[in-house]
Amino acid sequence: PSEEGGYKQEVYNLGFCGFIDNSSSKLVCFVGANEVYAMRQTTQIFNDIMSNAVKQYNITAAEAKQPATSKE
């Protein structure tokens, strides 16, 4: 709320949730931020957290599934 009552203008409480696509990891990250001015702030924090998690937990891309072959 603003000091005059009501809500502050152009200030937001944002949340961003995501995961690492194309990996075998089940890691999910939620970032919540109060009184931010743009979504960019939460997505940058998410990127920093998940980049560190990839390094710390040695997360790699999932092995590509090979298409089934028919036996003739």
N, C-alpha and C. Protein backbone atom coordinates (compact mmCIF):
# COMPACT_ATOMS: atom_id res chain seq x y z
N PRO A 1 0.82 -1.20 0.00
CA PRO A 1 0.00 0.00 0.00
C PRO A 1 0.87 1.26 0.00
N SER A 2 0.34 2.32 -0.55
CA SER A 2 1.07 3.59 -0.55
C SER A 2 0.82 4.29 0.78
N GLU A 3 1.65 5.27 1.08
CA GLU A 3 1.53 6.00 2.34
C GLU A 3 0.25 6.84 2.38
N GLU A 4 -0.26 7.20 1.20
CA GLU A 4 -1.49 7.99 1.12
C GLU A 4 -2.73 7.10 1.13
N GLY A 5 -2.55 5.81 1.19
CA GLY A 5 -3.67 4.87 1.09
C GLY A 5 -3.77 4.32 -0.31
N GLY A 6 -4.42 3.22 -0.45
CA GLY A 6 -4.53 2.59 -1.77
C GLY A 6 -3.25 1.85 -2.12
N TYR A 7 -3.03 1.67 -3.41
CA TYR A 7 -1.88 0.92 -3.89
C TYR A 7 -0.86 1.85 -4.53
N LYS A 8 0.42 1.45 -4.47
CA LYS A 8 1.47 2.20 -5.16
C LYS A 8 1.28 2.01 -6.65
N GLN A 9 1.58 3.05 -7.39
CA GLN A 9 1.45 3.00 -8.84
C GLN A 9 2.71 2.41 -9.47
N GLU A 10 2.52 1.54 -10.45
CA GLU A 10 3.59 0.95 -11.24
C GLU A 10 4.64 0.21 -10.42
N VAL A 11 4.23 -0.37 -9.30
CA VAL A 11 5.08 -1.23 -8.49
C VAL A 11 4.32 -2.53 -8.31
N TYR A 12 5.01 -3.65 -8.52
CA TYR A 12 4.31 -4.93 -8.58
C TYR A 12 4.92 -5.97 -7.65
N ASN A 13 4.11 -6.93 -7.25
CA ASN A 13 4.57 -8.14 -6.58
C ASN A 13 4.49 -9.24 -7.64
N LEU A 14 5.64 -9.77 -8.01
CA LEU A 14 5.69 -10.72 -9.12
C LEU A 14 6.21 -12.07 -8.67
N GLY A 15 5.80 -13.10 -9.37
CA GLY A 15 6.30 -14.44 -9.15
C GLY A 15 6.65 -15.09 -10.47
N PHE A 16 7.68 -15.89 -10.46
CA PHE A 16 8.10 -16.60 -11.66
C PHE A 16 8.50 -18.01 -11.24
N CYS A 17 7.94 -19.00 -11.92
CA CYS A 17 8.24 -20.39 -11.61
C CYS A 17 8.70 -21.07 -12.89
N GLY A 18 9.73 -21.90 -12.78
CA GLY A 18 10.20 -22.59 -13.97
C GLY A 18 11.02 -23.82 -13.62
N PHE A 19 11.42 -24.52 -14.66
CA PHE A 19 12.20 -25.74 -14.51
C PHE A 19 13.21 -25.80 -15.65
N ILE A 20 14.09 -26.80 -15.59
CA ILE A 20 15.10 -26.96 -16.63
C ILE A 20 14.54 -27.90 -17.68
N ASP A 21 14.31 -27.38 -18.85
CA ASP A 21 13.78 -28.17 -19.94
C ASP A 21 14.87 -29.10 -20.48
N ASN A 22 14.49 -30.23 -20.99
CA ASN A 22 15.40 -31.18 -21.61
C ASN A 22 16.47 -31.69 -20.65
N SER A 23 16.10 -31.93 -19.42
CA SER A 23 17.03 -32.54 -18.47
C SER A 23 16.29 -33.62 -17.70
N SER A 24 17.06 -34.49 -17.06
CA SER A 24 16.44 -35.53 -16.25
C SER A 24 16.17 -35.03 -14.83
N SER A 25 16.53 -33.80 -14.55
CA SER A 25 16.35 -33.22 -13.22
C SER A 25 14.88 -32.90 -12.95
N LYS A 26 14.48 -33.05 -11.70
CA LYS A 26 13.12 -32.68 -11.30
C LYS A 26 13.14 -31.36 -10.53
N LEU A 27 14.21 -30.62 -10.69
CA LEU A 27 14.39 -29.36 -9.98
C LEU A 27 13.44 -28.29 -10.52
N VAL A 28 12.74 -27.63 -9.60
CA VAL A 28 11.82 -26.54 -9.93
C VAL A 28 12.21 -25.35 -9.07
N CYS A 29 12.08 -24.15 -9.62
CA CYS A 29 12.45 -22.95 -8.87
C CYS A 29 11.31 -21.93 -8.95
N PHE A 30 10.95 -21.36 -7.81
CA PHE A 30 9.98 -20.27 -7.75
C PHE A 30 10.67 -19.05 -7.18
N VAL A 31 10.54 -17.93 -7.84
CA VAL A 31 11.09 -16.67 -7.36
C VAL A 31 9.92 -15.71 -7.17
N GLY A 32 9.79 -15.17 -5.97
CA GLY A 32 8.79 -14.15 -5.69
C GLY A 32 9.50 -12.87 -5.28
N ALA A 33 9.03 -11.76 -5.78
CA ALA A 33 9.66 -10.48 -5.47
C ALA A 33 8.58 -9.43 -5.21
N ASN A 34 8.76 -8.66 -4.17
CA ASN A 34 7.81 -7.61 -3.81
C ASN A 34 8.35 -6.25 -4.22
N GLU A 35 7.44 -5.41 -4.67
CA GLU A 35 7.73 -4.03 -5.04
C GLU A 35 8.84 -3.93 -6.09
N VAL A 36 8.67 -4.68 -7.17
CA VAL A 36 9.60 -4.59 -8.29
C VAL A 36 8.91 -3.83 -9.42
N TYR A 37 9.71 -3.38 -10.37
CA TYR A 37 9.19 -2.54 -11.44
C TYR A 37 9.04 -3.29 -12.77
N ALA A 38 9.63 -4.49 -12.86
CA ALA A 38 9.55 -5.23 -14.12
C ALA A 38 9.77 -6.71 -13.88
N MET A 39 9.22 -7.54 -14.75
CA MET A 39 9.41 -8.99 -14.67
C MET A 39 10.87 -9.36 -14.85
N ARG A 40 11.63 -8.53 -15.54
CA ARG A 40 13.04 -8.81 -15.80
C ARG A 40 13.80 -9.10 -14.51
N GLN A 41 13.45 -8.43 -13.43
CA GLN A 41 14.15 -8.65 -12.16
C GLN A 41 13.95 -10.07 -11.66
N THR A 42 12.74 -10.60 -11.73
CA THR A 42 12.51 -11.95 -11.24
C THR A 42 13.10 -13.00 -12.17
N THR A 43 13.04 -12.77 -13.48
CA THR A 43 13.61 -13.75 -14.40
C THR A 43 15.13 -13.78 -14.29
N GLN A 44 15.77 -12.65 -14.02
CA GLN A 44 17.22 -12.64 -13.85
C GLN A 44 17.62 -13.40 -12.58
N ILE A 45 16.86 -13.22 -11.51
CA ILE A 45 17.13 -13.96 -10.27
C ILE A 45 16.94 -15.46 -10.52
N PHE A 46 15.87 -15.84 -11.21
CA PHE A 46 15.64 -17.24 -11.56
C PHE A 46 16.82 -17.79 -12.35
N ASN A 47 17.28 -17.05 -13.33
CA ASN A 47 18.40 -17.48 -14.16
C ASN A 47 19.65 -17.70 -13.31
N ASP A 48 19.93 -16.79 -12.41
CA ASP A 48 21.11 -16.92 -11.54
C ASP A 48 21.00 -18.17 -10.65
N ILE A 49 19.84 -18.38 -10.05
CA ILE A 49 19.64 -19.54 -9.16
C ILE A 49 19.79 -20.84 -9.94
N MET A 50 19.11 -20.95 -11.08
CA MET A 50 19.15 -22.20 -11.83
C MET A 50 20.52 -22.44 -12.47
N SER A 51 21.21 -21.40 -12.88
CA SER A 51 22.57 -21.57 -13.41
C SER A 51 23.49 -22.15 -12.35
N ASN A 52 23.38 -21.65 -11.13
CA ASN A 52 24.19 -22.19 -10.04
C ASN A 52 23.78 -23.62 -9.71
N ALA A 53 22.48 -23.92 -9.75
CA ALA A 53 22.01 -25.28 -9.46
C ALA A 53 22.54 -26.27 -10.50
N VAL A 54 22.55 -25.87 -11.77
CA VAL A 54 23.07 -26.74 -12.83
C VAL A 54 24.52 -27.10 -12.55
N LYS A 55 25.30 -26.12 -12.13
CA LYS A 55 26.72 -26.37 -11.82
C LYS A 55 26.86 -27.21 -10.55
N GLN A 56 26.15 -26.84 -9.50
CA GLN A 56 26.28 -27.51 -8.20
C GLN A 56 25.84 -28.97 -8.27
N TYR A 57 24.74 -29.25 -8.95
CA TYR A 57 24.20 -30.60 -9.00
C TYR A 57 24.59 -31.35 -10.27
N ASN A 58 25.45 -30.74 -11.09
CA ASN A 58 25.94 -31.36 -12.32
C ASN A 58 24.78 -31.86 -13.19
N ILE A 59 23.83 -30.99 -13.44
CA ILE A 59 22.66 -31.34 -14.24
C ILE A 59 23.02 -31.25 -15.72
N THR A 60 22.72 -32.31 -16.45
CA THR A 60 23.02 -32.34 -17.88
C THR A 60 21.74 -32.59 -18.66
N ALA A 61 21.82 -32.36 -19.96
CA ALA A 61 20.66 -32.60 -20.82
C ALA A 61 20.34 -34.08 -20.82
N ALA A 62 19.07 -34.39 -20.86
CA ALA A 62 18.63 -35.79 -20.90
C ALA A 62 19.08 -36.42 -22.21
N GLU A 63 19.37 -37.69 -22.16
CA GLU A 63 19.76 -38.38 -23.38
C GLU A 63 18.58 -38.41 -24.33
N ALA A 64 18.87 -38.13 -25.57
CA ALA A 64 17.81 -38.14 -26.58
C ALA A 64 17.30 -39.56 -26.76
N LYS A 65 16.01 -39.70 -26.83
CA LYS A 65 15.44 -41.03 -27.04
C LYS A 65 15.58 -41.40 -28.51
N GLN A 66 16.06 -42.58 -28.75
CA GLN A 66 16.21 -43.06 -30.11
C GLN A 66 14.85 -43.58 -30.60
N PRO A 67 14.51 -43.29 -31.84
CA PRO A 67 13.24 -43.80 -32.36
C PRO A 67 13.27 -45.32 -32.43
N ALA A 68 12.12 -45.91 -32.20
CA ALA A 68 12.03 -47.37 -32.28
C ALA A 68 12.26 -47.82 -33.71
N THR A 69 12.98 -48.91 -33.87
CA THR A 69 13.21 -49.44 -35.21
C THR A 69 12.44 -50.74 -35.35
N SER A 70 11.96 -50.96 -36.53
CA SER A 70 11.23 -52.21 -36.77
C SER A 70 12.20 -53.28 -37.24
N LYS A 71 11.96 -54.50 -36.84
CA LYS A 71 12.79 -55.62 -37.28
C LYS A 71 12.12 -56.23 -38.51
N GLU A 72 12.87 -56.29 -39.56
CA GLU A 72 12.31 -56.85 -40.80
C GLU A 72 12.92 -58.17 -41.11
